[in-house]
N, C-alpha and C. Protein backbone atom coordinates (compact mmCIF):
# COMPACT_ATOMS: atom_id res chain seq x y z
N MET A 1 0.84 -1.22 0.00
CA MET A 1 0.00 0.00 0.00
C MET A 1 0.86 1.26 0.00
N GLU A 2 1.96 1.17 0.77
CA GLU A 2 2.86 2.33 0.86
C GLU A 2 3.48 2.65 -0.49
N ASP A 3 3.83 1.58 -1.24
CA ASP A 3 4.42 1.78 -2.57
C ASP A 3 3.45 2.49 -3.50
N TYR A 4 2.17 2.12 -3.42
CA TYR A 4 1.17 2.77 -4.26
C TYR A 4 1.02 4.25 -3.93
N LEU A 5 1.11 4.58 -2.66
CA LEU A 5 1.01 5.98 -2.24
C LEU A 5 2.22 6.79 -2.75
N VAL A 6 3.39 6.14 -2.70
CA VAL A 6 4.61 6.80 -3.20
C VAL A 6 4.49 7.06 -4.70
N ILE A 7 4.02 6.03 -5.44
CA ILE A 7 3.84 6.19 -6.89
C ILE A 7 2.84 7.30 -7.19
N LEU A 8 1.73 7.31 -6.44
CA LEU A 8 0.71 8.33 -6.65
C LEU A 8 1.24 9.73 -6.37
N SER A 9 1.95 9.88 -5.25
CA SER A 9 2.47 11.20 -4.89
C SER A 9 3.53 11.68 -5.87
N ARG A 10 4.40 10.75 -6.31
CA ARG A 10 5.43 11.12 -7.29
C ARG A 10 4.79 11.51 -8.63
N THR A 11 3.77 10.78 -9.03
CA THR A 11 3.09 11.09 -10.29
C THR A 11 2.48 12.48 -10.26
N LEU A 12 1.79 12.79 -9.19
CA LEU A 12 1.15 14.10 -9.07
C LEU A 12 2.18 15.22 -9.00
N LEU A 13 3.25 14.99 -8.22
CA LEU A 13 4.28 16.02 -8.08
C LEU A 13 5.00 16.26 -9.40
N LEU A 14 5.34 15.17 -10.10
CA LEU A 14 6.01 15.32 -11.39
C LEU A 14 5.10 16.00 -12.41
N TYR A 15 3.82 15.70 -12.34
CA TYR A 15 2.87 16.36 -13.24
C TYR A 15 2.91 17.87 -13.06
N VAL A 16 2.89 18.31 -11.80
CA VAL A 16 2.92 19.75 -11.52
C VAL A 16 4.25 20.35 -11.96
N VAL A 17 5.36 19.68 -11.65
CA VAL A 17 6.70 20.19 -12.00
C VAL A 17 6.85 20.32 -13.51
N ILE A 18 6.46 19.26 -14.24
CA ILE A 18 6.61 19.28 -15.70
C ILE A 18 5.68 20.30 -16.34
N LEU A 19 4.47 20.44 -15.79
CA LEU A 19 3.53 21.43 -16.31
C LEU A 19 4.11 22.84 -16.18
N VAL A 20 4.71 23.15 -15.01
CA VAL A 20 5.32 24.46 -14.79
C VAL A 20 6.50 24.67 -15.74
N ILE A 21 7.33 23.64 -15.90
CA ILE A 21 8.51 23.75 -16.77
C ILE A 21 8.11 23.97 -18.23
N PHE A 22 7.10 23.22 -18.68
CA PHE A 22 6.66 23.38 -20.07
C PHE A 22 6.05 24.76 -20.31
N ARG A 23 5.39 25.32 -19.31
CA ARG A 23 4.86 26.68 -19.43
C ARG A 23 6.00 27.68 -19.55
N LEU A 24 7.09 27.45 -18.80
CA LEU A 24 8.24 28.34 -18.86
C LEU A 24 8.94 28.24 -20.21
N MET A 25 8.85 27.10 -20.84
CA MET A 25 9.52 26.90 -22.13
C MET A 25 8.81 27.63 -23.26
N GLY A 26 7.56 28.04 -23.04
CA GLY A 26 6.84 28.79 -24.08
C GLY A 26 5.84 27.93 -24.80
N LYS A 27 4.95 28.60 -25.54
CA LYS A 27 3.86 27.92 -26.24
C LYS A 27 4.29 27.58 -27.66
N ARG A 28 4.27 26.30 -27.96
CA ARG A 28 4.54 25.83 -29.32
C ARG A 28 3.59 24.69 -29.62
N GLU A 29 3.06 24.67 -30.83
CA GLU A 29 2.24 23.54 -31.24
C GLU A 29 3.13 22.32 -31.40
N ILE A 30 2.52 21.14 -31.18
CA ILE A 30 3.29 19.90 -31.26
C ILE A 30 3.97 19.77 -32.62
N GLY A 31 3.25 20.12 -33.69
CA GLY A 31 3.81 20.00 -35.02
C GLY A 31 4.88 21.03 -35.35
N GLU A 32 5.06 22.03 -34.47
CA GLU A 32 6.02 23.09 -34.72
C GLU A 32 7.20 23.04 -33.74
N LEU A 33 7.34 21.94 -33.01
CA LEU A 33 8.45 21.82 -32.07
C LEU A 33 9.76 21.75 -32.83
N SER A 34 10.76 22.46 -32.31
CA SER A 34 12.09 22.39 -32.90
C SER A 34 12.76 21.10 -32.44
N ILE A 35 13.92 20.80 -33.04
CA ILE A 35 14.68 19.62 -32.62
C ILE A 35 15.05 19.74 -31.15
N LEU A 36 15.45 20.94 -30.74
CA LEU A 36 15.80 21.17 -29.33
C LEU A 36 14.63 20.84 -28.42
N ASP A 37 13.45 21.38 -28.75
CA ASP A 37 12.26 21.14 -27.93
C ASP A 37 11.95 19.65 -27.84
N LEU A 38 12.00 18.98 -28.99
CA LEU A 38 11.63 17.57 -29.05
C LEU A 38 12.57 16.71 -28.20
N VAL A 39 13.88 16.97 -28.31
CA VAL A 39 14.86 16.20 -27.53
C VAL A 39 14.63 16.39 -26.04
N VAL A 40 14.43 17.64 -25.63
CA VAL A 40 14.22 17.94 -24.21
C VAL A 40 12.93 17.29 -23.71
N TYR A 41 11.86 17.38 -24.47
CA TYR A 41 10.58 16.80 -24.05
C TYR A 41 10.68 15.29 -23.90
N ILE A 42 11.36 14.64 -24.86
CA ILE A 42 11.51 13.18 -24.79
C ILE A 42 12.33 12.78 -23.57
N MET A 43 13.43 13.52 -23.32
CA MET A 43 14.29 13.20 -22.17
C MET A 43 13.56 13.40 -20.85
N ILE A 44 12.81 14.48 -20.74
CA ILE A 44 12.05 14.74 -19.51
C ILE A 44 11.00 13.64 -19.30
N ALA A 45 10.34 13.23 -20.36
CA ALA A 45 9.34 12.17 -20.25
C ALA A 45 9.97 10.86 -19.79
N GLU A 46 11.15 10.53 -20.34
CA GLU A 46 11.83 9.30 -19.94
C GLU A 46 12.28 9.35 -18.48
N ILE A 47 12.82 10.50 -18.07
CA ILE A 47 13.27 10.65 -16.68
C ILE A 47 12.08 10.53 -15.72
N ALA A 48 10.97 11.16 -16.08
CA ALA A 48 9.78 11.11 -15.23
C ALA A 48 9.24 9.68 -15.13
N ALA A 49 9.22 8.96 -16.24
CA ALA A 49 8.72 7.58 -16.23
C ALA A 49 9.58 6.69 -15.35
N LEU A 50 10.91 6.84 -15.45
CA LEU A 50 11.82 6.05 -14.62
C LEU A 50 11.65 6.38 -13.15
N ALA A 51 11.41 7.65 -12.83
CA ALA A 51 11.25 8.07 -11.44
C ALA A 51 9.99 7.48 -10.82
N ILE A 52 8.92 7.37 -11.62
CA ILE A 52 7.68 6.79 -11.11
C ILE A 52 7.83 5.29 -10.88
N GLU A 53 8.58 4.63 -11.78
CA GLU A 53 8.79 3.18 -11.64
C GLU A 53 9.72 2.84 -10.48
N ASN A 54 10.80 3.61 -10.36
CA ASN A 54 11.80 3.33 -9.32
C ASN A 54 11.53 4.18 -8.08
N THR A 55 10.69 3.68 -7.22
CA THR A 55 10.26 4.45 -6.04
C THR A 55 11.34 4.52 -4.97
N LYS A 56 12.39 3.70 -5.11
CA LYS A 56 13.43 3.67 -4.08
C LYS A 56 14.48 4.75 -4.29
N ALA A 57 14.58 5.29 -5.51
CA ALA A 57 15.56 6.33 -5.80
C ALA A 57 15.10 7.66 -5.21
N PRO A 58 16.03 8.44 -4.65
CA PRO A 58 15.66 9.76 -4.09
C PRO A 58 15.02 10.64 -5.16
N PHE A 59 14.00 11.37 -4.78
CA PHE A 59 13.26 12.19 -5.75
C PHE A 59 14.14 13.30 -6.34
N ILE A 60 15.12 13.76 -5.58
CA ILE A 60 16.02 14.82 -6.06
C ILE A 60 16.80 14.34 -7.28
N ASN A 61 17.05 13.01 -7.36
CA ASN A 61 17.77 12.46 -8.52
C ASN A 61 16.96 12.61 -9.81
N THR A 62 15.67 12.75 -9.68
CA THR A 62 14.80 13.00 -10.84
C THR A 62 14.62 14.48 -11.09
N LEU A 63 14.39 15.22 -10.03
CA LEU A 63 14.09 16.64 -10.15
C LEU A 63 15.27 17.42 -10.71
N LEU A 64 16.48 17.10 -10.28
CA LEU A 64 17.66 17.85 -10.70
C LEU A 64 17.90 17.79 -12.21
N PRO A 65 17.93 16.59 -12.84
CA PRO A 65 18.15 16.57 -14.30
C PRO A 65 17.03 17.24 -15.08
N ILE A 66 15.78 17.15 -14.58
CA ILE A 66 14.67 17.81 -15.27
C ILE A 66 14.85 19.32 -15.24
N VAL A 67 15.23 19.86 -14.08
CA VAL A 67 15.46 21.30 -13.96
C VAL A 67 16.63 21.74 -14.84
N VAL A 68 17.71 20.93 -14.86
CA VAL A 68 18.88 21.25 -15.69
C VAL A 68 18.49 21.28 -17.17
N LEU A 69 17.71 20.29 -17.61
CA LEU A 69 17.27 20.26 -19.01
C LEU A 69 16.42 21.48 -19.34
N ALA A 70 15.56 21.87 -18.40
CA ALA A 70 14.71 23.04 -18.62
C ALA A 70 15.55 24.31 -18.75
N ILE A 71 16.55 24.45 -17.89
CA ILE A 71 17.43 25.63 -17.95
C ILE A 71 18.20 25.67 -19.27
N VAL A 72 18.71 24.51 -19.69
CA VAL A 72 19.44 24.43 -20.96
C VAL A 72 18.53 24.81 -22.12
N GLN A 73 17.31 24.26 -22.13
CA GLN A 73 16.39 24.53 -23.24
C GLN A 73 16.00 26.00 -23.30
N ILE A 74 15.70 26.60 -22.14
CA ILE A 74 15.32 28.02 -22.11
C ILE A 74 16.48 28.91 -22.53
N SER A 75 17.69 28.55 -22.10
CA SER A 75 18.89 29.33 -22.47
C SER A 75 19.13 29.27 -23.98
N LEU A 76 19.01 28.08 -24.55
CA LEU A 76 19.21 27.93 -26.00
C LEU A 76 18.09 28.61 -26.79
N ALA A 77 16.88 28.59 -26.23
CA ALA A 77 15.77 29.28 -26.90
C ALA A 77 16.02 30.79 -26.93
N MET A 78 16.55 31.34 -25.84
CA MET A 78 16.89 32.76 -25.80
C MET A 78 17.99 33.07 -26.82
N LEU A 79 18.97 32.15 -26.92
CA LEU A 79 20.05 32.34 -27.89
C LEU A 79 19.50 32.31 -29.32
N SER A 80 18.55 31.42 -29.58
CA SER A 80 17.98 31.32 -30.93
C SER A 80 17.19 32.57 -31.30
N LEU A 81 16.61 33.25 -30.28
CA LEU A 81 15.89 34.49 -30.55
C LEU A 81 16.84 35.59 -31.02
N LYS A 82 18.07 35.54 -30.53
CA LYS A 82 19.04 36.60 -30.83
C LYS A 82 19.92 36.28 -32.03
N SER A 83 20.00 35.00 -32.39
CA SER A 83 20.93 34.61 -33.45
C SER A 83 20.22 33.84 -34.55
N LYS A 84 20.15 34.43 -35.72
CA LYS A 84 19.55 33.76 -36.88
C LYS A 84 20.39 32.54 -37.29
N LYS A 85 21.71 32.65 -37.21
CA LYS A 85 22.58 31.54 -37.58
C LYS A 85 22.34 30.34 -36.68
N PHE A 86 22.15 30.61 -35.38
CA PHE A 86 21.90 29.52 -34.45
C PHE A 86 20.55 28.88 -34.73
N ARG A 87 19.54 29.70 -35.05
CA ARG A 87 18.22 29.16 -35.39
C ARG A 87 18.30 28.25 -36.61
N ASP A 88 19.04 28.70 -37.63
CA ASP A 88 19.18 27.90 -38.84
C ASP A 88 19.90 26.59 -38.55
N LEU A 89 20.90 26.65 -37.66
CA LEU A 89 21.67 25.45 -37.32
C LEU A 89 20.79 24.44 -36.61
N VAL A 90 19.96 24.91 -35.68
CA VAL A 90 19.15 24.00 -34.86
C VAL A 90 17.86 23.61 -35.56
N ASP A 91 17.13 24.59 -36.08
CA ASP A 91 15.81 24.33 -36.65
C ASP A 91 15.84 24.05 -38.15
N GLY A 92 16.90 24.50 -38.83
CA GLY A 92 16.93 24.39 -40.28
C GLY A 92 16.22 25.58 -40.92
N GLN A 93 16.28 25.65 -42.23
CA GLN A 93 15.67 26.75 -42.98
C GLN A 93 14.53 26.23 -43.85
N PRO A 94 13.57 27.11 -44.17
CA PRO A 94 12.54 26.71 -45.13
C PRO A 94 13.17 26.40 -46.48
N THR A 95 12.61 25.43 -47.17
CA THR A 95 13.13 25.01 -48.48
C THR A 95 12.05 25.18 -49.53
N VAL A 96 12.37 25.92 -50.59
CA VAL A 96 11.42 26.11 -51.69
C VAL A 96 11.42 24.87 -52.55
N ILE A 97 10.31 24.14 -52.53
CA ILE A 97 10.18 22.89 -53.30
C ILE A 97 9.67 23.17 -54.71
N ILE A 98 8.71 24.10 -54.82
CA ILE A 98 8.21 24.52 -56.13
C ILE A 98 8.41 26.02 -56.23
N ASN A 99 9.13 26.46 -57.26
CA ASN A 99 9.49 27.86 -57.43
C ASN A 99 9.01 28.35 -58.79
N ASN A 100 8.03 29.29 -58.77
CA ASN A 100 7.45 29.79 -60.02
C ASN A 100 6.91 28.64 -60.88
N GLY A 101 6.25 27.68 -60.23
CA GLY A 101 5.64 26.57 -60.95
C GLY A 101 6.59 25.45 -61.33
N LYS A 102 7.89 25.61 -61.03
CA LYS A 102 8.90 24.60 -61.40
C LYS A 102 9.31 23.83 -60.15
N ILE A 103 9.24 22.50 -60.24
CA ILE A 103 9.64 21.65 -59.12
C ILE A 103 11.16 21.61 -59.03
N ASP A 104 11.67 21.89 -57.83
CA ASP A 104 13.11 21.86 -57.59
C ASP A 104 13.48 20.49 -57.04
N GLU A 105 13.88 19.59 -57.92
CA GLU A 105 14.18 18.21 -57.51
C GLU A 105 15.44 18.13 -56.65
N ARG A 106 16.38 19.02 -56.87
CA ARG A 106 17.59 19.04 -56.04
C ARG A 106 17.25 19.38 -54.59
N ALA A 107 16.37 20.36 -54.42
CA ALA A 107 15.95 20.75 -53.08
C ALA A 107 15.20 19.59 -52.41
N MET A 108 14.37 18.88 -53.16
CA MET A 108 13.66 17.73 -52.62
C MET A 108 14.63 16.64 -52.19
N LYS A 109 15.62 16.38 -53.02
CA LYS A 109 16.60 15.35 -52.70
C LYS A 109 17.41 15.72 -51.46
N ALA A 110 17.76 16.99 -51.34
CA ALA A 110 18.54 17.45 -50.18
C ALA A 110 17.76 17.27 -48.88
N GLN A 111 16.44 17.38 -48.97
CA GLN A 111 15.59 17.25 -47.78
C GLN A 111 15.06 15.82 -47.61
N ARG A 112 15.52 14.90 -48.50
CA ARG A 112 15.01 13.52 -48.50
C ARG A 112 13.48 13.52 -48.54
N TYR A 113 12.99 14.28 -49.49
CA TYR A 113 11.55 14.53 -49.65
C TYR A 113 11.16 14.05 -51.03
N ASN A 114 10.23 13.12 -51.12
CA ASN A 114 9.90 12.53 -52.42
C ASN A 114 8.55 13.02 -52.95
N PHE A 115 8.20 12.58 -54.15
CA PHE A 115 6.96 13.05 -54.78
C PHE A 115 5.72 12.54 -54.05
N ASP A 116 5.82 11.37 -53.45
CA ASP A 116 4.69 10.88 -52.66
C ASP A 116 4.41 11.81 -51.49
N ASP A 117 5.48 12.29 -50.82
CA ASP A 117 5.33 13.25 -49.72
C ASP A 117 4.68 14.54 -50.23
N LEU A 118 5.18 15.01 -51.38
CA LEU A 118 4.67 16.26 -51.95
C LEU A 118 3.19 16.14 -52.29
N LEU A 119 2.82 15.07 -52.99
CA LEU A 119 1.43 14.90 -53.41
C LEU A 119 0.50 14.71 -52.21
N LEU A 120 0.99 14.01 -51.18
CA LEU A 120 0.19 13.81 -49.97
C LEU A 120 -0.11 15.14 -49.30
N GLN A 121 0.92 15.98 -49.16
CA GLN A 121 0.72 17.26 -48.48
C GLN A 121 -0.09 18.23 -49.33
N LEU A 122 0.00 18.11 -50.64
CA LEU A 122 -0.85 18.92 -51.51
C LEU A 122 -2.32 18.53 -51.34
N ARG A 123 -2.57 17.22 -51.27
CA ARG A 123 -3.95 16.76 -51.08
C ARG A 123 -4.49 17.22 -49.72
N GLU A 124 -3.63 17.24 -48.71
CA GLU A 124 -4.05 17.70 -47.38
C GLU A 124 -4.44 19.17 -47.40
N LYS A 125 -3.89 19.91 -48.37
CA LYS A 125 -4.24 21.33 -48.54
C LYS A 125 -5.35 21.52 -49.59
N ASP A 126 -5.99 20.42 -49.97
CA ASP A 126 -7.07 20.46 -50.97
C ASP A 126 -6.59 20.94 -52.34
N VAL A 127 -5.35 20.62 -52.67
CA VAL A 127 -4.81 20.94 -53.99
C VAL A 127 -4.69 19.63 -54.75
N GLY A 128 -5.52 19.45 -55.75
CA GLY A 128 -5.54 18.19 -56.49
C GLY A 128 -4.59 18.14 -57.66
N ASN A 129 -4.14 19.31 -58.14
CA ASN A 129 -3.30 19.36 -59.33
C ASN A 129 -2.03 20.13 -59.03
N ILE A 130 -0.90 19.47 -59.17
CA ILE A 130 0.39 20.11 -58.88
C ILE A 130 0.65 21.27 -59.83
N ALA A 131 0.00 21.25 -60.99
CA ALA A 131 0.17 22.33 -61.97
C ALA A 131 -0.45 23.65 -61.49
N ASP A 132 -1.31 23.59 -60.47
CA ASP A 132 -1.94 24.80 -59.94
C ASP A 132 -1.06 25.53 -58.92
N VAL A 133 0.09 24.95 -58.58
CA VAL A 133 0.94 25.50 -57.53
C VAL A 133 2.02 26.40 -58.10
N GLU A 134 2.06 27.63 -57.60
CA GLU A 134 3.11 28.58 -58.00
C GLU A 134 4.34 28.42 -57.12
N PHE A 135 4.11 28.36 -55.81
CA PHE A 135 5.19 28.17 -54.84
C PHE A 135 4.77 27.14 -53.80
N ALA A 136 5.71 26.30 -53.41
CA ALA A 136 5.51 25.39 -52.28
C ALA A 136 6.77 25.41 -51.43
N ILE A 137 6.61 25.70 -50.16
CA ILE A 137 7.75 25.84 -49.27
C ILE A 137 7.66 24.81 -48.15
N LEU A 138 8.69 23.99 -48.03
CA LEU A 138 8.76 23.01 -46.95
C LEU A 138 9.34 23.70 -45.72
N GLU A 139 8.51 23.87 -44.69
CA GLU A 139 8.92 24.59 -43.49
C GLU A 139 9.80 23.70 -42.60
N PRO A 140 10.58 24.32 -41.69
CA PRO A 140 11.42 23.52 -40.77
C PRO A 140 10.62 22.51 -39.95
N SER A 141 9.34 22.81 -39.70
CA SER A 141 8.49 21.90 -38.93
C SER A 141 8.05 20.69 -39.74
N GLY A 142 8.29 20.71 -41.07
CA GLY A 142 7.84 19.62 -41.93
C GLY A 142 6.55 19.93 -42.65
N LYS A 143 5.88 21.03 -42.29
CA LYS A 143 4.65 21.41 -42.97
C LYS A 143 4.97 22.03 -44.33
N LEU A 144 4.02 21.93 -45.24
CA LEU A 144 4.18 22.49 -46.58
C LEU A 144 3.28 23.70 -46.74
N SER A 145 3.89 24.86 -47.01
CA SER A 145 3.12 26.08 -47.29
C SER A 145 2.95 26.20 -48.79
N ILE A 146 1.72 26.44 -49.21
CA ILE A 146 1.40 26.41 -50.64
C ILE A 146 0.79 27.73 -51.10
N PHE A 147 1.26 28.23 -52.25
CA PHE A 147 0.70 29.42 -52.89
C PHE A 147 0.29 29.02 -54.31
N GLN A 148 -1.00 29.06 -54.55
CA GLN A 148 -1.49 28.61 -55.86
C GLN A 148 -1.32 29.70 -56.91
N LYS A 149 -1.33 29.28 -58.16
CA LYS A 149 -1.16 30.20 -59.27
C LYS A 149 -2.32 31.17 -59.35
N ASN A 150 -2.00 32.37 -59.82
CA ASN A 150 -3.01 33.42 -59.98
C ASN A 150 -3.97 33.05 -61.10
N LYS A 151 -5.26 33.18 -60.79
CA LYS A 151 -6.30 32.84 -61.78
C LYS A 151 -6.84 34.07 -62.50
N SER A 152 -6.45 35.28 -62.02
CA SER A 152 -7.09 36.48 -62.56
C SER A 152 -6.40 37.04 -63.79
N GLY A 153 -5.21 36.49 -64.10
CA GLY A 153 -4.52 36.98 -65.29
C GLY A 153 -3.47 38.03 -65.00
N ARG A 154 -3.45 38.57 -63.77
CA ARG A 154 -2.41 39.54 -63.42
C ARG A 154 -1.10 38.81 -63.18
N GLN A 155 -0.05 39.30 -63.79
CA GLN A 155 1.23 38.61 -63.71
C GLN A 155 1.97 38.87 -62.40
N ASP A 156 1.71 39.99 -61.77
CA ASP A 156 2.51 40.35 -60.60
C ASP A 156 2.03 39.69 -59.31
N GLU A 157 0.87 39.03 -59.33
CA GLU A 157 0.35 38.46 -58.11
C GLU A 157 0.99 37.13 -57.75
N GLY A 158 1.72 36.54 -58.70
CA GLY A 158 2.33 35.25 -58.42
C GLY A 158 3.67 35.35 -57.72
N ILE A 159 4.15 36.56 -57.46
CA ILE A 159 5.46 36.73 -56.84
C ILE A 159 5.37 36.49 -55.35
N LEU A 160 6.30 35.68 -54.84
CA LEU A 160 6.31 35.36 -53.42
C LEU A 160 7.14 36.39 -52.66
N ALA A 161 6.56 36.96 -51.61
CA ALA A 161 7.27 37.97 -50.82
C ALA A 161 8.19 37.28 -49.83
N LEU A 162 9.41 36.97 -50.27
CA LEU A 162 10.37 36.30 -49.41
C LEU A 162 11.07 37.31 -48.51
N PRO A 163 11.45 36.90 -47.30
CA PRO A 163 12.23 37.81 -46.44
C PRO A 163 13.62 38.03 -47.01
N LEU A 164 14.01 39.28 -47.12
CA LEU A 164 15.33 39.61 -47.66
C LEU A 164 16.32 39.94 -46.54
N ILE A 165 15.79 40.38 -45.38
CA ILE A 165 16.65 40.65 -44.23
C ILE A 165 15.94 40.10 -42.99
N ILE A 166 16.67 39.35 -42.18
CA ILE A 166 16.16 38.85 -40.90
C ILE A 166 17.22 39.10 -39.85
N ASP A 167 16.84 39.80 -38.79
CA ASP A 167 17.76 40.12 -37.69
C ASP A 167 19.04 40.79 -38.18
N GLY A 168 18.90 41.68 -39.16
CA GLY A 168 20.06 42.43 -39.66
C GLY A 168 20.93 41.66 -40.63
N ASN A 169 20.54 40.44 -41.00
CA ASN A 169 21.32 39.61 -41.91
C ASN A 169 20.61 39.50 -43.27
N ILE A 170 21.35 39.81 -44.33
CA ILE A 170 20.79 39.71 -45.68
C ILE A 170 20.65 38.24 -46.07
N GLN A 171 19.48 37.87 -46.57
CA GLN A 171 19.21 36.50 -47.01
C GLN A 171 19.57 36.37 -48.49
N GLU A 172 20.81 35.99 -48.75
CA GLU A 172 21.32 35.98 -50.13
C GLU A 172 20.55 35.01 -51.03
N GLU A 173 20.16 33.85 -50.49
CA GLU A 173 19.44 32.88 -51.31
C GLU A 173 18.11 33.45 -51.80
N ASN A 174 17.44 34.19 -50.93
CA ASN A 174 16.15 34.78 -51.31
C ASN A 174 16.34 35.90 -52.32
N LEU A 175 17.44 36.64 -52.20
CA LEU A 175 17.75 37.67 -53.19
C LEU A 175 17.94 37.04 -54.57
N LYS A 176 18.63 35.92 -54.60
CA LYS A 176 18.87 35.23 -55.88
C LYS A 176 17.55 34.78 -56.51
N ARG A 177 16.62 34.37 -55.64
CA ARG A 177 15.34 33.86 -56.16
C ARG A 177 14.53 34.94 -56.87
N ILE A 178 14.74 36.20 -56.46
CA ILE A 178 14.01 37.29 -57.13
C ILE A 178 14.93 38.06 -58.08
N ASN A 179 16.09 37.43 -58.38
CA ASN A 179 17.05 37.99 -59.33
C ASN A 179 17.56 39.37 -58.91
N LYS A 180 17.85 39.53 -57.62
CA LYS A 180 18.41 40.78 -57.09
C LYS A 180 19.74 40.48 -56.42
N THR A 181 20.48 41.57 -56.12
CA THR A 181 21.82 41.42 -55.54
C THR A 181 21.93 42.20 -54.23
N ILE A 182 23.02 41.94 -53.49
CA ILE A 182 23.26 42.66 -52.24
C ILE A 182 23.42 44.17 -52.48
N PRO A 183 24.24 44.59 -53.48
CA PRO A 183 24.33 46.03 -53.75
C PRO A 183 22.97 46.67 -54.07
N TRP A 184 22.11 45.91 -54.75
CA TRP A 184 20.78 46.44 -55.08
C TRP A 184 19.98 46.75 -53.82
N ILE A 185 19.92 45.79 -52.89
CA ILE A 185 19.11 46.03 -51.69
C ILE A 185 19.73 47.10 -50.81
N GLN A 186 21.06 47.14 -50.76
CA GLN A 186 21.73 48.20 -49.98
C GLN A 186 21.39 49.58 -50.53
N LYS A 187 21.42 49.70 -51.85
CA LYS A 187 21.11 50.98 -52.50
C LYS A 187 19.65 51.37 -52.27
N GLU A 188 18.74 50.38 -52.44
CA GLU A 188 17.31 50.65 -52.28
C GLU A 188 16.98 51.10 -50.85
N LEU A 189 17.53 50.40 -49.88
CA LEU A 189 17.23 50.72 -48.49
C LEU A 189 17.85 52.06 -48.08
N LYS A 190 19.03 52.35 -48.60
CA LYS A 190 19.67 53.63 -48.29
C LYS A 190 18.85 54.78 -48.85
N SER A 191 18.29 54.60 -50.06
CA SER A 191 17.48 55.65 -50.67
C SER A 191 16.18 55.88 -49.91
N LYS A 192 15.76 54.87 -49.13
CA LYS A 192 14.54 54.99 -48.34
C LYS A 192 14.81 55.41 -46.90
N GLY A 193 16.08 55.73 -46.62
CA GLY A 193 16.42 56.21 -45.28
C GLY A 193 16.84 55.13 -44.30
N TYR A 194 17.28 53.98 -44.83
CA TYR A 194 17.73 52.89 -43.96
C TYR A 194 19.17 52.50 -44.36
N PRO A 195 20.15 53.32 -44.00
CA PRO A 195 21.52 53.04 -44.41
C PRO A 195 22.17 51.89 -43.63
N ASP A 196 21.69 51.63 -42.39
CA ASP A 196 22.31 50.62 -41.54
C ASP A 196 21.43 49.36 -41.53
N ILE A 197 21.82 48.37 -42.32
CA ILE A 197 21.04 47.14 -42.42
C ILE A 197 21.02 46.37 -41.10
N ASN A 198 22.08 46.52 -40.31
CA ASN A 198 22.15 45.80 -39.04
C ASN A 198 21.03 46.19 -38.08
N ARG A 199 20.43 47.36 -38.29
CA ARG A 199 19.36 47.83 -37.40
C ARG A 199 17.99 47.37 -37.86
N ILE A 200 17.93 46.67 -39.01
CA ILE A 200 16.65 46.21 -39.54
C ILE A 200 16.33 44.83 -38.98
N SER A 201 15.17 44.70 -38.38
CA SER A 201 14.75 43.42 -37.83
C SER A 201 14.22 42.49 -38.93
N PHE A 202 13.39 43.05 -39.83
CA PHE A 202 12.80 42.23 -40.89
C PHE A 202 12.53 43.11 -42.10
N CYS A 203 12.81 42.56 -43.27
CA CYS A 203 12.53 43.28 -44.52
C CYS A 203 12.12 42.28 -45.59
N SER A 204 11.00 42.56 -46.24
CA SER A 204 10.57 41.75 -47.38
C SER A 204 10.24 42.67 -48.54
N TYR A 205 10.13 42.08 -49.72
CA TYR A 205 9.92 42.85 -50.95
C TYR A 205 8.84 42.17 -51.78
N ASP A 206 7.82 42.93 -52.14
CA ASP A 206 6.70 42.34 -52.87
C ASP A 206 6.17 43.33 -53.91
N ASN A 207 6.34 42.99 -55.18
CA ASN A 207 5.81 43.81 -56.27
C ASN A 207 6.26 45.27 -56.19
N GLY A 208 7.55 45.48 -55.91
CA GLY A 208 8.10 46.83 -55.88
C GLY A 208 7.93 47.54 -54.56
N GLU A 209 7.29 46.90 -53.58
CA GLU A 209 7.06 47.52 -52.28
C GLU A 209 7.85 46.80 -51.19
N PHE A 210 8.54 47.60 -50.37
CA PHE A 210 9.27 47.04 -49.23
C PHE A 210 8.41 47.09 -47.97
N PHE A 211 8.53 46.02 -47.17
CA PHE A 211 8.03 46.07 -45.80
C PHE A 211 9.25 46.03 -44.90
N ILE A 212 9.41 47.05 -44.05
CA ILE A 212 10.61 47.17 -43.22
C ILE A 212 10.21 47.35 -41.76
N ASP A 213 10.79 46.53 -40.90
CA ASP A 213 10.56 46.65 -39.47
C ASP A 213 11.91 46.80 -38.77
N MET A 214 12.06 47.86 -37.97
CA MET A 214 13.32 48.12 -37.30
C MET A 214 13.41 47.39 -35.97
N LYS A 215 14.62 47.09 -35.56
CA LYS A 215 14.83 46.45 -34.26
C LYS A 215 14.42 47.40 -33.14
N ASP A 216 13.89 46.83 -32.06
CA ASP A 216 13.56 47.62 -30.89
C ASP A 216 14.82 48.17 -30.26
N GLN A 217 14.76 49.40 -29.84
CA GLN A 217 15.92 50.04 -29.23
C GLN A 217 16.12 49.56 -27.80
């Protein structure tokens, strides 16, 4: 009977501890968890399960590694907020699978992503014909973002507004996709009163119009 009470008390206590820790880690949908989040969640779950099974081990032996993992995860999450390079290293970058109606097979191969995966995710988005897709972007979470071809006949509506600057860093790959260069964006932004790119938090370009957001002071 005593063992059952210990198991019950440990289960309830771990439930409260893990609930508080997950709240501190921030709100993320299950399908949008980063690799860091997923590893930490799995490790915490395994530690908690072992602690409930092994009632003879001191509870501090369970609590300490869980708290350490939480501190590590929160610290790395803060670092990822400040560093685009670190985010790309941990989470990966979005990959353009279909660009201007053309399937990029090299990009698919690099992501180990096949046509069955593509067609499945298109069907999940209620897209029955791959020919209707102007852009398809494979997100770091594994989800596929889809932009269908313009039906109205206007040519400029099919252009994807890719981010050109994130956290003060120029996104060279996205510049290449719209056939622009680093000197071009530097000149354009300077003419609009933004000479210091490092102070720009986010910048995108769509049909001749810039959207620019400055970093908080």
